[in-house]
Amino acid sequence: MEEDLLIKKAQDGEAEAFGQLYDHYLPKIYRFVFIKVSSQTDAEDLTQQIFLNAWQNIKSFQFQGFSISSWFYRIAYNEVVDFYRTRKHHEPIETLPEEILSESPGTDQAFDQNIEIGKIKIALQKLEGDQQNVLLMKFVDELSNKEIAQALNKSEGAIRVIQHRGLKQLKNYLSQ
């Protein structure tokens, strides 16, 4: 079923339509949140709160020419910010299991690949928040610059600059 039709049905109060959106976007939003908070329990709680918030506010969603994913990511980003505002504790990104970064959890990976993933996690942790968010949304969740801009409430030009600087900084960290 087409996404915009599902959104319209969800806006009309059809829980089943919203459920289909939930099922589709849950893994991506959960992965984004988990990478940011590094705790499975916190990520599950926040993800549930994100989708509850989305369901309660679905009528306010307005079509702007792209997927609803950026709206979900905007809610997720705000929930993560609130999480850190109210709690000052977090685990470093290098403690994340590599399965969470994968579209197909549980696959065996070669030893060299595990070492590279570990290096990337450590380097990602060193990036500033916006750079980390943009690179995760762009390369892990494969969002367009337009969707990322909408999610982070920034211009597409700013997203390109943040992405460029983030990749340059990531390259520097990985070459050390």
Protein backbone atom coordinates (compact mmCIF):
# COMPACT_ATOMS: atom_id res chain seq x y z
CA MET A 1 0.00 0.00 0.00
CA GLU A 2 1.28 3.44 -0.86
CA GLU A 3 2.74 5.39 2.05
CA ASP A 4 0.70 8.56 1.51
CA LEU A 5 -2.51 6.53 1.56
CA LEU A 6 -1.43 4.87 4.81
CA ILE A 7 -0.70 8.30 6.30
CA LYS A 8 -4.13 9.63 5.28
CA LYS A 9 -5.82 6.57 6.80
CA ALA A 10 -3.77 6.93 9.99
CA GLN A 11 -4.73 10.60 10.16
CA ASP A 12 -8.36 9.49 9.92
CA GLY A 13 -7.79 7.33 13.02
CA GLU A 14 -7.14 3.94 11.43
CA ALA A 15 -4.75 2.22 13.84
CA GLU A 16 -4.03 -0.57 11.35
CA ALA A 17 -2.66 1.93 8.81
CA PHE A 18 -0.42 3.50 11.44
CA GLY A 19 0.60 -0.03 12.46
CA GLN A 20 1.90 -0.64 8.95
CA LEU A 21 3.95 2.56 9.11
CA TYR A 22 5.18 1.49 12.55
CA ASP A 23 6.21 -1.95 11.30
CA HIS A 24 8.08 -0.43 8.37
CA TYR A 25 9.96 2.28 10.27
CA LEU A 26 10.46 0.61 13.66
CA PRO A 27 13.78 -1.12 12.84
CA LYS A 28 15.33 2.05 11.39
CA ILE A 29 14.17 4.35 14.19
CA TYR A 30 15.17 1.80 16.84
CA ARG A 31 18.65 1.46 15.29
CA PHE A 32 19.08 5.24 15.21
CA VAL A 33 18.01 5.57 18.85
CA PHE A 34 20.08 2.59 20.00
CA ILE A 35 23.21 3.99 18.41
CA LYS A 36 22.60 7.29 20.19
CA VAL A 37 21.81 5.91 23.68
CA SER A 38 23.71 2.56 23.61
CA SER A 39 21.30 0.86 26.00
CA GLN A 40 18.83 -1.69 24.70
CA THR A 41 16.31 -0.94 27.46
CA ASP A 42 16.54 2.83 26.98
CA ALA A 43 16.37 2.45 23.19
CA GLU A 44 13.26 0.27 23.44
CA ASP A 45 11.57 2.71 25.85
CA LEU A 46 12.47 5.74 23.72
CA THR A 47 11.37 4.04 20.51
CA GLN A 48 8.01 3.20 22.03
CA GLN A 49 7.68 6.81 23.20
CA ILE A 50 8.58 8.07 19.72
CA PHE A 51 5.87 6.04 18.04
CA LEU A 52 3.32 6.86 20.74
CA ASN A 53 4.12 10.54 20.21
CA ALA A 54 3.81 10.05 16.43
CA TRP A 55 0.44 8.29 16.78
CA GLN A 56 -0.86 11.03 19.06
CA ASN A 57 0.29 13.73 16.62
CA ILE A 58 -0.23 12.05 13.24
CA LYS A 59 -3.03 14.49 12.38
CA SER A 60 -0.48 17.35 12.49
CA PHE A 61 1.78 15.66 9.91
CA GLN A 62 1.78 17.58 6.64
CA PHE A 63 2.98 16.18 3.33
CA GLN A 64 6.03 18.07 2.11
CA GLY A 65 6.97 16.00 -0.90
CA PHE A 66 8.99 13.27 0.79
CA SER A 67 8.67 10.26 3.06
CA ILE A 68 7.24 10.42 6.57
CA SER A 69 10.58 8.99 7.76
CA SER A 70 12.02 12.46 8.30
CA TRP A 71 9.09 13.27 10.60
CA PHE A 72 9.76 10.08 12.60
CA TYR A 73 13.48 10.92 12.75
CA ARG A 74 12.67 14.45 13.94
CA ILE A 75 10.59 13.02 16.78
CA ALA A 76 13.38 10.51 17.52
CA TYR A 77 16.03 13.21 17.53
CA ASN A 78 13.96 15.32 19.95
CA GLU A 79 13.34 12.33 22.24
CA VAL A 80 17.08 11.53 22.33
CA VAL A 81 17.88 15.18 23.14
CA ASP A 82 15.30 15.10 25.95
CA PHE A 83 16.72 11.79 27.16
CA TYR A 84 20.19 13.30 27.55
CA ARG A 85 18.80 16.50 28.99
CA THR A 86 17.11 14.55 31.79
CA ARG A 87 19.76 11.85 32.20
CA LYS A 88 23.45 12.52 32.02
CA HIS A 89 24.52 8.85 31.74
CA HIS A 90 25.36 7.10 28.48
CA GLU A 91 27.54 4.28 27.24
CA PRO A 92 30.23 4.78 24.64
CA ILE A 93 29.36 3.85 21.06
CA GLU A 94 32.22 1.33 20.88
CA THR A 95 30.29 -0.96 23.25
CA LEU A 96 27.53 -1.39 20.65
CA PRO A 97 27.11 -4.84 19.17
CA GLU A 98 27.85 -4.66 15.44
CA GLU A 99 24.57 -6.43 14.68
CA ILE A 100 22.65 -3.23 15.45
CA LEU A 101 24.41 -1.47 12.59
CA SER A 102 23.45 -4.22 10.17
CA GLU A 103 20.22 -4.57 8.20
CA SER A 104 20.37 -8.33 8.81
CA PRO A 105 21.34 -8.96 12.44
CA GLY A 106 23.08 -12.19 13.33
CA THR A 107 25.17 -12.66 10.22
CA ASP A 108 28.73 -13.83 10.75
CA GLN A 109 31.35 -11.34 9.73
CA ALA A 110 35.01 -11.86 9.01
CA PHE A 111 37.56 -10.92 11.69
CA ASP A 112 39.00 -8.07 9.62
CA GLN A 113 35.57 -6.64 9.06
CA ASN A 114 34.88 -6.72 12.82
CA ILE A 115 38.09 -4.78 13.44
CA GLU A 116 37.06 -2.16 10.86
CA ILE A 117 33.58 -1.84 12.38
CA GLY A 118 35.16 -1.32 15.79
CA LYS A 119 37.41 1.41 14.41
CA ILE A 120 34.46 3.13 12.75
CA LYS A 121 32.41 3.00 15.98
CA ILE A 122 35.24 4.60 17.94
CA ALA A 123 35.74 7.26 15.25
CA LEU A 124 31.98 7.98 15.10
CA GLN A 125 31.94 8.50 18.85
CA LYS A 126 34.54 11.26 18.47
CA LEU A 127 32.41 13.24 16.01
CA GLU A 128 30.21 16.09 17.22
CA GLY A 129 26.49 15.35 17.56
CA ASP A 130 25.27 16.86 14.29
CA GLN A 131 28.00 15.14 12.29
CA GLN A 132 27.20 11.83 13.96
CA ASN A 133 23.45 12.25 13.30
CA VAL A 134 23.91 13.21 9.65
CA LEU A 135 26.34 10.37 8.88
CA LEU A 136 24.14 7.78 10.60
CA MET A 137 20.99 8.97 8.83
CA LYS A 138 22.76 9.23 5.47
CA PHE A 139 24.86 6.08 5.39
CA VAL A 140 23.20 3.70 7.85
CA ASP A 141 19.56 4.58 7.27
CA GLU A 142 20.05 5.84 3.69
CA LEU A 143 17.95 9.01 4.05
CA SER A 144 18.20 11.75 1.45
CA ASN A 145 19.69 15.14 2.35
CA LYS A 146 16.20 16.60 2.12
CA GLU A 147 14.85 14.07 4.64
CA ILE A 148 17.80 14.63 6.99
CA ALA A 149 17.35 18.39 6.74
CA GLN A 150 13.69 18.02 7.67
CA ALA A 151 14.49 15.67 10.56
CA LEU A 152 17.19 17.93 12.02
CA ASN A 153 15.44 21.21 11.18
CA LYS A 154 18.35 22.45 9.06
CA SER A 155 18.77 23.46 5.43
CA GLU A 156 19.93 20.94 2.82
CA GLY A 157 23.05 23.07 2.32
CA ALA A 158 23.84 22.82 6.02
CA ILE A 159 23.40 19.03 5.85
CA ARG A 160 25.85 18.82 2.93
CA VAL A 161 28.40 20.90 4.86
CA ILE A 162 27.94 18.84 8.04
CA GLN A 163 28.24 15.62 6.01
CA HIS A 164 31.38 16.83 4.24
CA ARG A 165 33.02 17.95 7.48
CA GLY A 166 31.92 14.79 9.27
CA LEU A 167 33.35 12.53 6.57
CA LYS A 168 36.59 14.52 6.52
CA GLN A 169 36.88 14.28 10.31
CA LEU A 170 35.97 10.59 10.26
CA LYS A 171 38.68 9.99 7.66
CA ASN A 172 41.18 11.81 9.88
CA TYR A 173 40.23 9.72 12.92
CA LEU A 174 40.44 6.48 10.93
CA SER A 175 43.88 7.33 9.51
CA GLN A 176 45.39 7.90 12.98
